[in-house]
Amino acid sequence: MAAPIGTLLLICILLPLWAAEPSVETASSEASPAASEAGPTASEASPAAPSETRTVSPPRPRSGPAPVTDVTRLCVCDLLVAQCDVNCCCDPDCSAAEFSLFTTCSVPIVTGDSRLCSQKAAVYSLDVEANPPEMIFKLIDQVNPSVFCIHATNYKQALSFSSPEMPTSENFDRLLKQFGSAAFSAEPGSWDMNTDAQNPSDANETYRYEYGVPIQTEDAFLRLPSPVVSSWCSDANPAGFLVNQVTKCTRSVSVENCGDIQALSMLFYINSSILAVPKSSQMVNITVQSIAVQSPNGTRTLLNGDDVLRLPEIVEELCINIVFGVSYHITYTDAGEIIEAAAAFVLGAINKEALSIQQSFEISFAQANTEPVPLSGNPGYVIGLPIRAGYRPHATSGIIQSSNKLSQLTLLQSTSSQDCLAVQGARTPILFGYNMVSGCTLRITAAMKCKPLAQTLLDLLKGQIFPEYVASFGNSQAQDVLDWVPITHLHLSEQSSCQIPVSLEIEVKWTKYGSLVNPQARIVNVTATITTTTLKQLPSGRERTIPVMSSVVFTDVSSPAVPGYKAWPTINVKLPFDFFFPFV
């Protein structure tokens, strides 16, 4: 009976596969003789197999990653161009005659990445027995004995530092979009201000604004345009909480499309409501505080009327009501909540010849139900005004000051009774340039314990909150931490089991800063010295009276002014490399 046509076609397709199978088994039998003895050979299993066999190479052992650097071409001691470096055996500029003068190889072995488990290493040595001595080069396989080494890698870029992408005219917009925001990551577009809101563990957490945190709005954050790379304005600069800023930048304009440029309109700066606290639904609208119109000659006129919002428009080949400046004023509470936001605008006009304008932006903060702390000078201290001081809660914050200018750095206040326990809490401010001494007396009985008494006297001398920093100038800003001088604390004590503080001495060193015509007082060092004494146990029924003193002294450490003259010119002549050839 004839076979069906489909069966014949199937046999024709499978026949080449059956013919190729014995050659694979033959190769396997050649690679493993033990397996050949245990079972039948390929010729016995398939007599119809062809006589020729195909040899298959045995699998190679797994090796480490390919080296990024060719160690045979790497020479770390080759410093001179086209010249032989002394004792640098890998320097290709050295000849055989120069090698004979070497005493040793400064770099005997050159390797690539030391984190790899196995890698090539170039070994250099000198054959001193040869005449003349010659250099010996070997390329060996170095094995890393460490357990924690890289055996294989699938990310070659991790073995070397990748070169950053340089901005060009083609990729500048893409790089600015990726890295021009307040925060970014390695993946473009992976940062989102609302990602933390997806974490259910933060649902019951109470949020508040802290120093430097970007002020959030309903769409992103409060923008304070500023120059980034050049003088042109970038609207991606966020305003930080309690960070007073003043910026100026240039913006491209034209009369034809002035109404289409959002940054020229008042709506761009007030249309987004501010979040009272981060990640909350409570909004604070930005109100218009004032509007001033600037004339072409620079004079400004404050507008009074109900027409608050003014949008750009073209009138007689002029574009009017464009924004030249914005000043934000933020009011917050001591709990870190924003309760009010206002903006003051400066509007102006441009003509057809104007291609760009300069805009100015400013933001300031004020705490609710408090009065602004006045300065003690501008910039230097004024004699008789209080010393400005504060503390820094953590390393990333600014200086925190008391709203009461007379309680920032204080001294024990003397009273008529002279009783230390009766004058607790009575303080007097330290005024710049005024040396002061105050004190009281303390009556000690046998029933008083050492440690509680020592803590009471320390609080009496230093006050409840003793500052950590003192402003170097009378107008030093809280966010400029480098303009604040840390207070140095010293302790003078005796060797005893019970020590109680009896005096506090504050020394303020200041210097004259600036021009000789109008020098400014600047504080350069503040030292607070606590002196303790030994408290001996009193017999029962006996009393002892000790004096407690506090003082402050101002020391002028200004060096005398020395007239300066221009230095005489020096002759710096370099001779050619072969100037003394062939004598040297």
Protein backbone atom coordinates (compact mmCIF):
# COMPACT_ATOMS: atom_id res chain seq x y z
CA MET A 1 0.00 0.00 0.00
CA ALA A 2 1.43 3.35 -0.99
CA ALA A 3 2.21 5.81 1.80
CA PRO A 4 0.32 9.10 1.90
CA ILE A 5 2.01 12.15 0.38
CA GLY A 6 2.02 13.97 3.76
CA THR A 7 3.95 11.10 5.39
CA LEU A 8 6.59 11.20 2.64
CA LEU A 9 7.06 14.93 3.08
CA LEU A 10 7.49 14.50 6.85
CA ILE A 11 10.15 11.78 6.33
CA CYS A 12 12.03 14.04 3.91
CA ILE A 13 12.09 16.85 6.47
CA LEU A 14 13.25 14.69 9.41
CA LEU A 15 15.86 12.71 7.47
CA PRO A 16 18.60 15.40 7.64
CA LEU A 17 18.08 15.71 11.39
CA TRP A 18 18.50 11.96 11.93
CA ALA A 19 21.62 12.01 9.79
CA ALA A 20 23.22 14.82 11.84
CA GLU A 21 22.52 13.24 15.25
CA PRO A 22 25.27 10.55 15.20
CA SER A 23 28.00 13.16 14.56
CA VAL A 24 27.05 14.97 17.75
CA GLU A 25 27.16 11.76 19.76
CA THR A 26 30.52 10.87 18.23
CA ALA A 27 31.93 14.21 19.31
CA SER A 28 30.55 13.63 22.78
CA SER A 29 32.19 10.25 22.94
CA GLU A 30 35.53 11.72 21.94
CA ALA A 31 35.33 14.37 24.63
CA SER A 32 34.42 11.87 27.37
CA PRO A 33 35.99 8.42 27.03
CA ALA A 34 34.33 7.13 30.16
CA ALA A 35 30.94 7.73 28.67
CA SER A 36 31.95 5.81 25.52
CA GLU A 37 32.81 2.71 27.48
CA ALA A 38 29.56 2.76 29.42
CA GLY A 39 27.23 2.86 26.42
CA PRO A 40 27.12 2.03 22.72
CA THR A 41 29.11 4.08 20.24
CA ALA A 42 27.56 6.30 17.61
CA SER A 43 28.22 3.83 14.81
CA GLU A 44 26.45 1.08 16.72
CA ALA A 45 23.45 3.26 17.56
CA SER A 46 22.87 4.44 14.00
CA PRO A 47 24.38 2.36 11.22
CA ALA A 48 22.93 4.68 8.59
CA ALA A 49 25.09 7.59 9.80
CA PRO A 50 27.71 9.03 7.45
CA SER A 51 31.33 8.03 7.96
CA GLU A 52 32.68 11.57 8.59
CA THR A 53 32.27 13.18 12.01
CA ARG A 54 32.08 16.84 13.18
CA THR A 55 34.45 17.81 16.00
CA VAL A 56 32.96 20.00 18.75
CA SER A 57 35.42 21.84 21.07
CA PRO A 58 34.92 21.33 24.81
CA PRO A 59 33.25 24.19 26.74
CA ARG A 60 35.68 26.87 28.01
CA PRO A 61 35.74 27.78 31.69
CA ARG A 62 33.89 30.92 32.69
CA SER A 63 36.24 33.90 32.77
CA GLY A 64 35.98 37.35 34.25
CA PRO A 65 35.01 40.54 32.44
CA ALA A 66 37.16 41.89 29.67
CA PRO A 67 39.61 44.50 30.94
CA VAL A 68 38.75 48.10 30.21
CA THR A 69 42.39 49.23 30.16
CA ASP A 70 45.24 47.61 28.23
CA VAL A 71 47.95 47.32 30.90
CA THR A 72 50.69 46.95 28.28
CA ARG A 73 49.97 50.50 27.12
CA LEU A 74 49.43 51.98 30.57
CA CYS A 75 52.41 53.76 32.14
CA VAL A 76 51.63 55.89 35.18
CA CYS A 77 55.23 57.11 35.64
CA ASP A 78 55.53 58.48 32.08
CA LEU A 79 55.31 62.20 32.86
CA LEU A 80 57.62 63.86 30.33
CA VAL A 81 56.54 64.17 26.70
CA ALA A 82 58.95 62.63 24.18
CA GLN A 83 61.57 62.23 26.94
CA CYS A 84 62.72 59.34 29.07
CA ASP A 85 61.63 59.44 32.71
CA VAL A 86 64.24 58.26 35.19
CA ASN A 87 63.62 54.72 36.54
CA CYS A 88 60.35 54.46 34.57
CA CYS A 89 60.71 51.01 33.04
CA CYS A 90 57.45 51.22 31.07
CA ASP A 91 58.32 54.53 29.38
CA PRO A 92 58.33 53.88 25.60
CA ASP A 93 60.63 56.89 25.08
CA CYS A 94 63.53 55.20 26.91
CA SER A 95 66.24 53.56 24.83
CA ALA A 96 68.44 50.58 25.72
CA ALA A 97 71.29 52.90 26.64
CA GLU A 98 69.03 54.80 29.03
CA PHE A 99 67.72 51.56 30.55
CA SER A 100 71.31 50.62 31.42
CA LEU A 101 71.49 53.68 33.68
CA PHE A 102 68.39 52.74 35.71
CA THR A 103 68.88 51.55 39.31
CA THR A 104 65.34 50.21 39.87
CA CYS A 105 61.83 50.32 38.43
CA SER A 106 59.75 53.00 40.14
CA VAL A 107 56.54 51.20 39.11
CA PRO A 108 57.30 47.46 39.09
CA ILE A 109 53.77 46.23 38.32
CA VAL A 110 50.89 47.81 36.39
CA THR A 111 47.35 46.47 36.76
CA GLY A 112 43.90 47.57 35.71
CA ASP A 113 40.92 47.38 38.06
CA SER A 114 41.93 45.85 41.40
CA ARG A 115 38.34 44.72 42.05
CA LEU A 116 38.44 42.00 39.38
CA CYS A 117 39.06 38.41 40.46
CA SER A 118 41.43 37.74 37.56
CA GLN A 119 43.19 40.19 35.28
CA LYS A 120 46.34 40.80 33.29
CA ALA A 121 49.29 42.48 34.99
CA ALA A 122 52.39 43.97 33.39
CA VAL A 123 55.54 43.25 35.45
CA TYR A 124 58.70 45.30 34.90
CA SER A 125 62.14 44.47 36.35
CA LEU A 126 65.83 45.03 35.67
CA ASP A 127 68.38 42.37 34.85
CA VAL A 128 71.39 43.77 36.69
CA GLU A 129 73.57 40.77 35.82
CA ALA A 130 73.44 41.60 32.14
CA ASN A 131 76.08 43.90 30.70
CA PRO A 132 74.73 46.48 30.23
CA PRO A 133 71.63 46.04 32.50
CA GLU A 134 68.43 45.65 30.55
CA MET A 135 64.71 45.80 31.25
CA ILE A 136 62.64 42.61 31.55
CA PHE A 137 58.92 42.70 30.73
CA LYS A 138 56.39 39.98 31.63
CA LEU A 139 52.62 39.81 31.13
CA ILE A 140 51.09 37.56 33.78
CA ASP A 141 47.63 36.58 34.99
CA GLN A 142 47.10 38.06 38.44
CA VAL A 143 44.52 36.48 40.76
CA ASN A 144 42.79 38.59 43.40
CA PRO A 145 42.92 36.73 46.76
CA SER A 146 39.97 38.68 48.14
CA VAL A 147 36.66 36.86 48.54
CA PHE A 148 34.77 39.99 47.54
CA CYS A 149 35.88 40.46 43.95
CA ILE A 150 34.13 40.85 40.61
CA HIS A 151 34.02 37.51 38.78
CA ALA A 152 31.67 38.50 35.96
CA THR A 153 29.89 41.70 35.05
CA ASN A 154 27.12 42.60 32.67
CA TYR A 155 27.55 46.39 33.05
CA LYS A 156 30.89 47.46 31.62
CA GLN A 157 30.28 51.13 32.37
CA ALA A 158 30.51 50.34 36.09
CA LEU A 159 34.23 49.54 35.75
CA SER A 160 35.17 53.09 34.79
CA PHE A 161 33.97 56.64 35.17
CA SER A 162 31.77 57.64 32.26
CA SER A 163 32.49 60.95 30.60
CA PRO A 164 29.67 63.45 31.18
CA GLU A 165 27.71 64.59 28.18
CA MET A 166 28.89 68.02 27.13
CA PRO A 167 26.17 70.57 26.30
CA THR A 168 25.84 71.47 22.66
CA SER A 169 23.35 73.44 20.65
CA GLU A 170 21.55 70.20 19.76
CA ASN A 171 21.24 68.62 23.25
CA PHE A 172 21.09 71.76 25.44
CA ASP A 173 17.28 71.82 25.74
CA ARG A 174 17.17 68.14 26.65
CA LEU A 175 19.89 68.48 29.32
CA LEU A 176 18.24 71.59 30.77
CA LYS A 177 14.93 69.76 31.02
CA GLN A 178 16.61 66.79 32.73
CA PHE A 179 18.97 68.59 35.16
CA GLY A 180 17.57 72.11 35.41
CA SER A 181 14.92 71.39 38.05
CA ALA A 182 15.22 71.57 41.83
CA ALA A 183 15.93 67.83 42.04
CA PHE A 184 16.79 65.17 39.50
CA SER A 185 17.93 61.58 39.30
CA ALA A 186 19.83 59.40 36.87
CA GLU A 187 16.63 58.54 35.04
CA PRO A 188 15.07 61.53 33.22
CA GLY A 189 11.64 62.38 34.49
CA SER A 190 11.86 60.01 37.45
CA TRP A 191 11.50 62.81 40.02
CA ASP A 192 8.05 63.87 40.99
CA MET A 193 7.11 66.07 43.89
CA ASN A 194 4.04 63.97 44.61
CA THR A 195 5.75 60.57 44.77
CA ASP A 196 5.95 60.68 48.55
CA ALA A 197 2.20 61.14 48.74
CA GLN A 198 1.79 57.60 47.41
CA ASN A 199 3.42 56.15 50.51
CA PRO A 200 0.63 55.08 52.88
CA SER A 201 2.97 55.19 55.89
CA ASP A 202 3.07 59.00 55.63
CA ALA A 203 -0.68 59.40 55.89
CA ASN A 204 -0.70 60.23 59.60
CA GLU A 205 2.53 62.26 59.59
CA THR A 206 2.35 65.97 60.40
CA TYR A 207 4.17 68.10 57.86
CA ARG A 208 5.71 71.53 58.25
CA TYR A 209 8.02 73.74 56.30
CA GLU A 210 11.65 73.72 57.36
CA TYR A 211 14.52 75.96 56.42
CA GLY A 212 15.50 75.65 52.77
CA VAL A 213 12.60 73.38 51.75
CA PRO A 214 11.05 74.48 48.41
CA ILE A 215 7.70 76.21 48.88
CA GLN A 216 5.11 73.97 47.24
CA THR A 217 2.16 75.14 45.16
CA GLU A 218 -0.81 73.31 43.75
CA ASP A 219 1.03 72.51 40.50
CA ALA A 220 4.75 72.43 41.48
CA PHE A 221 6.61 75.00 43.58
CA LEU A 222 6.85 78.77 43.94
CA ARG A 223 9.14 79.97 41.17
CA LEU A 224 11.75 82.65 41.66
CA PRO A 225 13.36 83.16 38.23
CA SER A 226 17.12 83.45 38.27
CA PRO A 227 20.07 83.10 35.87
CA VAL A 228 21.42 79.55 35.57
CA VAL A 229 24.18 79.20 33.00
CA SER A 230 24.07 82.66 31.45
CA SER A 231 22.23 85.85 32.36
CA TRP A 232 18.98 84.62 30.80
CA CYS A 233 16.09 83.87 33.16
CA SER A 234 15.27 80.31 34.16
CA ASP A 235 11.86 79.72 35.71
CA ALA A 236 12.91 76.41 37.29
CA ASN A 237 14.48 77.97 40.41
CA PRO A 238 12.35 77.16 43.50
CA ALA A 239 11.94 79.58 46.40
CA GLY A 240 13.24 78.05 49.65
CA PHE A 241 11.43 78.52 52.94
CA LEU A 242 13.05 81.24 55.12
CA VAL A 243 15.70 81.84 52.43
CA ASN A 244 15.71 85.52 51.52
CA GLN A 245 16.78 85.89 47.90
CA VAL A 246 17.33 88.69 45.42
CA THR A 247 17.89 87.74 41.77
CA LYS A 248 18.22 89.58 38.47
CA CYS A 249 18.11 88.05 35.01
CA THR A 250 17.51 88.93 31.36
CA ARG A 251 14.44 87.86 29.37
CA SER A 252 13.91 87.99 25.63
CA VAL A 253 10.88 90.10 24.57
CA SER A 254 9.21 91.51 21.49
CA VAL A 255 6.26 93.84 21.10
CA GLU A 256 4.46 91.58 18.60
CA ASN A 257 4.07 88.62 20.97
CA CYS A 258 4.41 90.25 24.41
CA GLY A 259 0.94 89.02 25.31
CA ASP A 260 1.94 85.41 24.62
CA ILE A 261 5.01 85.39 26.92
CA GLN A 262 3.72 84.16 30.28
CA ALA A 263 6.65 85.51 32.32
CA LEU A 264 5.70 89.07 31.32
CA SER A 265 2.22 88.83 32.84
CA MET A 266 1.20 89.28 36.47
CA LEU A 267 -0.91 86.11 36.27
CA PHE A 268 2.21 83.98 35.89
CA TYR A 269 3.31 84.91 39.44
CA ILE A 270 -0.02 84.82 41.31
CA ASN A 271 -2.20 82.22 39.57
CA SER A 272 -0.87 79.25 41.62
CA SER A 273 -1.91 78.94 45.25
CA ILE A 274 0.69 78.05 47.87
CA LEU A 275 0.32 74.97 50.08
CA ALA A 276 0.07 76.05 53.73
CA VAL A 277 2.20 73.04 54.70
CA PRO A 278 3.81 70.46 52.41
CA LYS A 279 1.51 67.77 51.00
CA SER A 280 -1.67 69.37 52.31
CA SER A 281 -4.94 70.44 50.71
CA GLN A 282 -5.02 73.82 52.46
CA MET A 283 -4.22 76.58 49.98
CA VAL A 284 -3.00 80.14 50.47
CA ASN A 285 -3.73 82.54 47.62
CA ILE A 286 -1.11 85.07 46.55
CA THR A 287 -2.57 88.56 46.81
CA VAL A 288 -1.38 91.70 45.05
CA GLN A 289 0.13 94.03 47.63
CA SER A 290 1.03 96.96 45.40
CA ILE A 291 1.70 97.93 41.79
CA ALA A 292 4.27 100.49 40.71
CA VAL A 293 4.62 101.75 37.14
CA GLN A 294 8.14 102.44 35.92
CA SER A 295 8.67 105.13 33.28
CA PRO A 296 11.34 104.89 30.55
CA ASN A 297 13.62 107.19 32.56
CA GLY A 298 13.47 104.91 35.62
CA THR A 299 11.05 106.80 37.88
CA ARG A 300 8.34 104.75 39.59
CA THR A 301 4.79 105.76 40.44
CA LEU A 302 2.67 103.82 42.93
CA LEU A 303 -0.84 103.13 41.66
CA ASN A 304 -3.85 103.70 43.89
CA GLY A 305 -7.13 102.24 42.72
CA ASP A 306 -9.31 99.21 42.37
CA ASP A 307 -7.77 98.14 39.07
CA VAL A 308 -5.50 95.50 40.64
CA LEU A 309 -4.79 93.14 37.77
CA ARG A 310 -3.13 94.65 34.70
CA LEU A 311 -2.34 92.41 31.73
CA PRO A 312 0.12 93.18 28.90
CA GLU A 313 -1.40 94.91 25.90
CA ILE A 314 -0.20 96.74 22.80
CA VAL A 315 -0.98 100.46 22.66
CA GLU A 316 0.46 102.65 19.88
CA GLU A 317 3.41 100.37 19.06
CA LEU A 318 4.17 99.95 22.76
CA CYS A 319 3.66 96.90 24.96
CA ILE A 320 2.57 98.11 28.39
CA ASN A 321 1.95 96.43 31.76
CA ILE A 322 4.81 93.97 31.41
CA VAL A 323 6.47 92.76 34.62
CA PHE A 324 9.87 94.30 35.40
CA GLY A 325 10.06 93.10 39.01
CA VAL A 326 8.26 90.99 41.62
CA SER A 327 8.73 91.05 45.40
CA TYR A 328 7.15 88.24 47.42
CA HIS A 329 6.42 88.63 51.12
CA ILE A 330 5.59 85.41 52.98
CA THR A 331 4.09 85.34 56.49
CA TYR A 332 4.47 82.14 58.50
CA THR A 333 3.82 80.83 62.01
CA ASP A 334 6.25 79.31 64.50
CA ALA A 335 4.83 75.90 63.55
CA GLY A 336 6.23 76.19 60.01
CA GLU A 337 2.89 76.98 58.35
CA ILE A 338 2.43 79.66 55.68
CA ILE A 339 -0.65 81.77 56.40
CA GLU A 340 -0.26 84.69 54.01
CA ALA A 341 1.50 85.49 50.74
CA ALA A 342 1.63 88.84 48.95
CA ALA A 343 3.37 90.11 45.84
CA ALA A 344 4.43 93.64 44.90
CA PHE A 345 4.86 94.31 41.16
CA VAL A 346 6.82 96.80 39.09
CA LEU A 347 5.30 97.22 35.62
CA GLY A 348 6.70 99.00 32.60
CA ALA A 349 6.53 99.36 28.82
CA ILE A 350 8.77 98.48 25.88
CA ASN A 351 8.92 99.61 22.26
CA LYS A 352 9.76 97.80 19.06
CA GLU A 353 13.48 98.38 19.45
CA ALA A 354 13.65 96.44 22.72
CA LEU A 355 14.88 92.88 22.31
CA SER A 356 15.32 92.02 26.00
CA ILE A 357 14.56 93.39 29.46
CA GLN A 358 16.10 92.88 32.89
CA GLN A 359 13.74 91.51 35.54
CA SER A 360 14.37 91.56 39.30
CA PHE A 361 12.85 89.18 41.84
CA GLU A 362 12.92 89.19 45.63
CA ILE A 363 11.39 87.11 48.42
CA SER A 364 11.32 87.85 52.17
CA PHE A 365 9.77 86.16 55.19
CA ALA A 366 8.21 87.43 58.42
CA GLN A 367 6.86 85.50 61.39
CA ALA A 368 3.28 86.21 62.39
CA ASN A 369 2.57 88.15 65.59
CA THR A 370 6.19 89.25 65.93
CA GLU A 371 8.10 92.39 65.14
CA PRO A 372 11.10 92.27 62.79
CA VAL A 373 14.40 92.06 64.63
CA PRO A 374 16.31 95.29 63.98
CA LEU A 375 19.92 95.20 62.96
CA SER A 376 22.84 96.26 65.15
CA GLY A 377 24.69 98.01 62.34
CA ASN A 378 25.07 98.10 58.59
CA PRO A 379 27.38 96.37 58.06
CA GLY A 380 29.58 96.80 61.13
CA TYR A 381 28.39 96.92 64.76
CA VAL A 382 27.41 100.24 66.27
CA ILE A 383 28.57 100.91 69.84
CA GLY A 384 25.70 100.56 72.29
CA LEU A 385 23.54 98.21 70.19
CA PRO A 386 22.98 94.59 71.36
CA ILE A 387 25.08 91.69 70.12
CA ARG A 388 23.14 89.51 67.68
CA ALA A 389 23.35 85.79 68.53
CA GLY A 390 21.52 82.53 67.92
CA TYR A 391 21.86 78.79 67.59
CA ARG A 392 21.88 76.26 64.77
CA PRO A 393 19.64 73.20 65.33
CA HIS A 394 21.29 71.03 62.65
CA ALA A 395 24.02 71.25 60.03
CA THR A 396 21.74 72.04 57.08
CA SER A 397 19.78 74.85 58.71
CA GLY A 398 20.44 78.54 59.17
CA ILE A 399 20.86 80.48 62.39
CA ILE A 400 17.78 80.68 64.62
CA GLN A 401 17.42 83.95 66.54
CA SER A 402 15.09 85.14 69.24
CA SER A 403 12.54 87.73 68.13
CA ASN A 404 13.52 89.82 71.18
CA LYS A 405 16.76 91.60 70.26
CA LEU A 406 17.57 92.22 73.95
CA SER A 407 17.55 88.53 74.89
CA GLN A 408 19.86 86.98 72.27
CA LEU A 409 23.12 87.30 74.27
CA THR A 410 22.63 88.32 77.89
CA LEU A 411 24.43 88.62 81.21
CA LEU A 412 23.38 88.14 84.81
CA GLN A 413 21.66 91.28 86.04
CA SER A 414 22.63 92.64 89.45
CA THR A 415 19.91 93.64 91.90
CA SER A 416 19.89 95.57 95.15
CA SER A 417 19.28 92.42 97.21
CA GLN A 418 22.38 90.66 95.77
CA ASP A 419 20.68 87.30 96.34
CA CYS A 420 21.40 84.85 93.52
CA LEU A 421 18.27 82.76 94.13
CA ALA A 422 16.13 85.91 94.04
CA VAL A 423 17.52 87.21 90.73
CA GLN A 424 16.94 84.03 88.69
CA GLY A 425 15.62 85.04 85.27
CA ALA A 426 16.79 88.66 85.52
CA ARG A 427 19.09 89.27 82.53
CA THR A 428 20.62 92.30 80.87
CA PRO A 429 21.63 92.42 77.18
CA ILE A 430 25.29 92.57 76.18
CA LEU A 431 25.84 95.79 74.24
CA PHE A 432 28.67 96.11 71.75
CA GLY A 433 31.66 98.00 73.12
CA TYR A 434 30.41 98.11 76.73
CA ASN A 435 32.46 96.20 79.31
CA MET A 436 30.20 95.04 82.13
CA VAL A 437 30.50 93.20 85.43
CA SER A 438 27.60 91.85 87.48
CA GLY A 439 27.19 89.42 90.32
CA CYS A 440 25.33 88.18 93.33
CA THR A 441 25.92 86.15 96.49
CA LEU A 442 24.74 82.64 97.23
CA ARG A 443 24.14 81.31 100.71
CA ILE A 444 24.97 77.61 100.96
CA THR A 445 23.69 75.37 103.72
CA ALA A 446 24.62 71.83 104.68
CA ALA A 447 21.34 70.47 103.25
CA MET A 448 22.17 71.54 99.66
CA LYS A 449 23.21 68.76 97.26
CA CYS A 450 26.17 69.26 94.91
CA LYS A 451 24.70 68.35 91.49
CA PRO A 452 21.38 70.29 91.77
CA LEU A 453 23.27 73.31 93.10
CA ALA A 454 25.82 73.19 90.28
CA GLN A 455 23.07 73.05 87.63
CA THR A 456 21.21 75.94 89.29
CA LEU A 457 24.32 78.12 89.25
CA LEU A 458 25.09 77.21 85.62
CA ASP A 459 21.59 78.23 84.54
CA LEU A 460 21.97 81.41 86.57
CA LEU A 461 25.20 82.38 84.82
CA LYS A 462 24.38 81.34 81.24
CA GLY A 463 20.61 81.75 81.22
CA GLN A 464 18.07 79.22 80.08
CA ILE A 465 19.24 79.18 76.42
CA PHE A 466 22.84 80.16 75.78
CA PRO A 467 23.53 80.86 72.06
CA GLU A 468 26.01 78.94 69.94
CA TYR A 469 26.87 81.60 67.34
CA VAL A 470 27.42 85.36 67.27
CA ALA A 471 26.95 87.51 64.18
CA SER A 472 30.27 88.83 62.90
CA PHE A 473 28.57 91.92 61.47
CA GLY A 474 25.60 93.89 62.66
CA ASN A 475 23.61 92.96 59.54
CA SER A 476 24.61 89.31 59.12
CA GLN A 477 21.75 87.31 57.62
CA ALA A 478 20.50 84.13 59.28
CA GLN A 479 21.01 82.03 56.15
CA ASP A 480 24.63 83.13 55.71
CA VAL A 481 26.13 80.75 58.28
CA LEU A 482 29.71 81.68 57.34
CA ASP A 483 29.04 85.22 58.61
CA TRP A 484 28.49 83.88 62.13
CA VAL A 485 31.24 83.17 64.65
CA PRO A 486 30.94 80.06 66.87
CA ILE A 487 31.30 80.66 70.61
CA THR A 488 34.27 78.86 72.15
CA HIS A 489 33.63 77.37 75.61
CA LEU A 490 36.40 76.96 78.20
CA HIS A 491 36.21 75.39 81.67
CA LEU A 492 38.64 76.15 84.49
CA SER A 493 38.18 73.68 87.33
CA GLU A 494 39.99 72.00 90.19
CA GLN A 495 40.40 68.31 90.94
CA SER A 496 37.56 67.58 93.31
CA SER A 497 34.46 65.42 93.61
CA CYS A 498 32.10 68.40 93.85
CA GLN A 499 32.61 71.41 91.55
CA ILE A 500 30.19 74.33 91.31
CA PRO A 501 30.46 77.21 88.77
CA VAL A 502 31.09 80.60 90.33
CA SER A 503 31.94 82.87 87.38
CA LEU A 504 31.31 83.37 83.67
CA GLU A 505 33.73 85.52 81.68
CA ILE A 506 32.87 86.42 78.08
CA GLU A 507 35.60 87.93 75.91
CA VAL A 508 34.60 89.44 72.55
CA LYS A 509 37.46 90.12 70.14
CA TRP A 510 36.69 92.51 67.32
CA THR A 511 38.60 94.27 64.58
CA LYS A 512 38.20 97.21 62.24
CA TYR A 513 37.23 96.03 58.78
CA GLY A 514 37.21 97.90 55.49
CA SER A 515 38.44 101.33 54.50
CA LEU A 516 40.43 103.55 56.84
CA VAL A 517 37.99 106.38 56.11
CA ASN A 518 34.97 104.48 57.48
CA PRO A 519 36.08 101.27 59.25
CA GLN A 520 33.41 98.79 60.27
CA ALA A 521 33.43 96.83 63.54
CA ARG A 522 33.58 93.07 62.98
CA ILE A 523 33.56 90.36 65.64
CA VAL A 524 36.20 87.70 64.98
CA ASN A 525 36.15 85.59 68.17
CA VAL A 526 33.95 85.02 71.23
CA THR A 527 35.13 82.98 74.23
CA ALA A 528 32.99 82.01 77.22
CA THR A 529 35.01 80.79 80.23
CA ILE A 530 33.33 79.01 83.15
CA THR A 531 35.32 78.94 86.40
CA THR A 532 34.40 76.39 89.06
CA THR A 533 35.39 75.98 92.66
CA THR A 534 35.37 73.11 95.13
CA LEU A 535 32.35 72.82 97.42
CA LYS A 536 33.28 71.29 100.75
CA GLN A 537 30.76 69.55 102.93
CA LEU A 538 29.56 71.86 105.71
CA PRO A 539 28.81 70.69 109.24
CA SER A 540 25.16 70.48 110.22
CA GLY A 541 23.72 73.89 111.02
CA ARG A 542 26.54 75.84 109.39
CA GLU A 543 26.22 78.23 106.40
CA ARG A 544 28.61 79.64 103.81
CA THR A 545 28.33 82.59 101.42
CA ILE A 546 30.12 82.56 98.05
CA PRO A 547 30.17 85.31 95.39
CA VAL A 548 28.96 84.56 91.83
CA MET A 549 30.33 86.84 89.11
CA SER A 550 29.73 87.34 85.42
CA SER A 551 31.51 89.76 83.10
CA VAL A 552 32.02 90.70 79.46
CA VAL A 553 35.00 92.48 77.96
CA PHE A 554 35.57 93.74 74.41
CA THR A 555 39.09 93.55 73.01
CA ASP A 556 40.20 95.39 69.89
CA VAL A 557 42.58 93.12 67.99
CA SER A 558 42.92 95.33 64.93
CA SER A 559 46.38 95.38 63.46
CA PRO A 560 47.80 98.80 62.58
CA ALA A 561 47.20 99.89 59.03
CA VAL A 562 50.22 99.40 56.79
CA PRO A 563 50.47 101.34 53.53
CA GLY A 564 50.68 99.06 50.54
CA TYR A 565 52.98 99.49 47.57
CA LYS A 566 53.15 97.67 44.30
CA ALA A 567 55.76 94.93 44.24
CA TRP A 568 58.80 95.28 42.04
CA PRO A 569 58.51 93.27 38.85
CA THR A 570 60.35 89.98 38.78
CA ILE A 571 62.14 88.53 35.77
CA ASN A 572 61.01 84.98 35.06
CA VAL A 573 63.20 83.67 32.24
CA LYS A 574 63.22 80.02 31.24
CA LEU A 575 66.19 78.73 29.22
CA PRO A 576 65.73 76.14 26.49
CA PHE A 577 66.07 72.50 27.46
CA ASP A 578 69.34 72.01 25.55
CA PHE A 579 70.87 75.41 26.36
CA PHE A 580 74.01 73.94 28.03
CA PHE A 581 74.36 71.02 25.60
CA PRO A 582 76.81 69.27 25.28
CA PHE A 583 78.42 70.40 28.56
CA VAL A 584 75.56 69.14 30.78
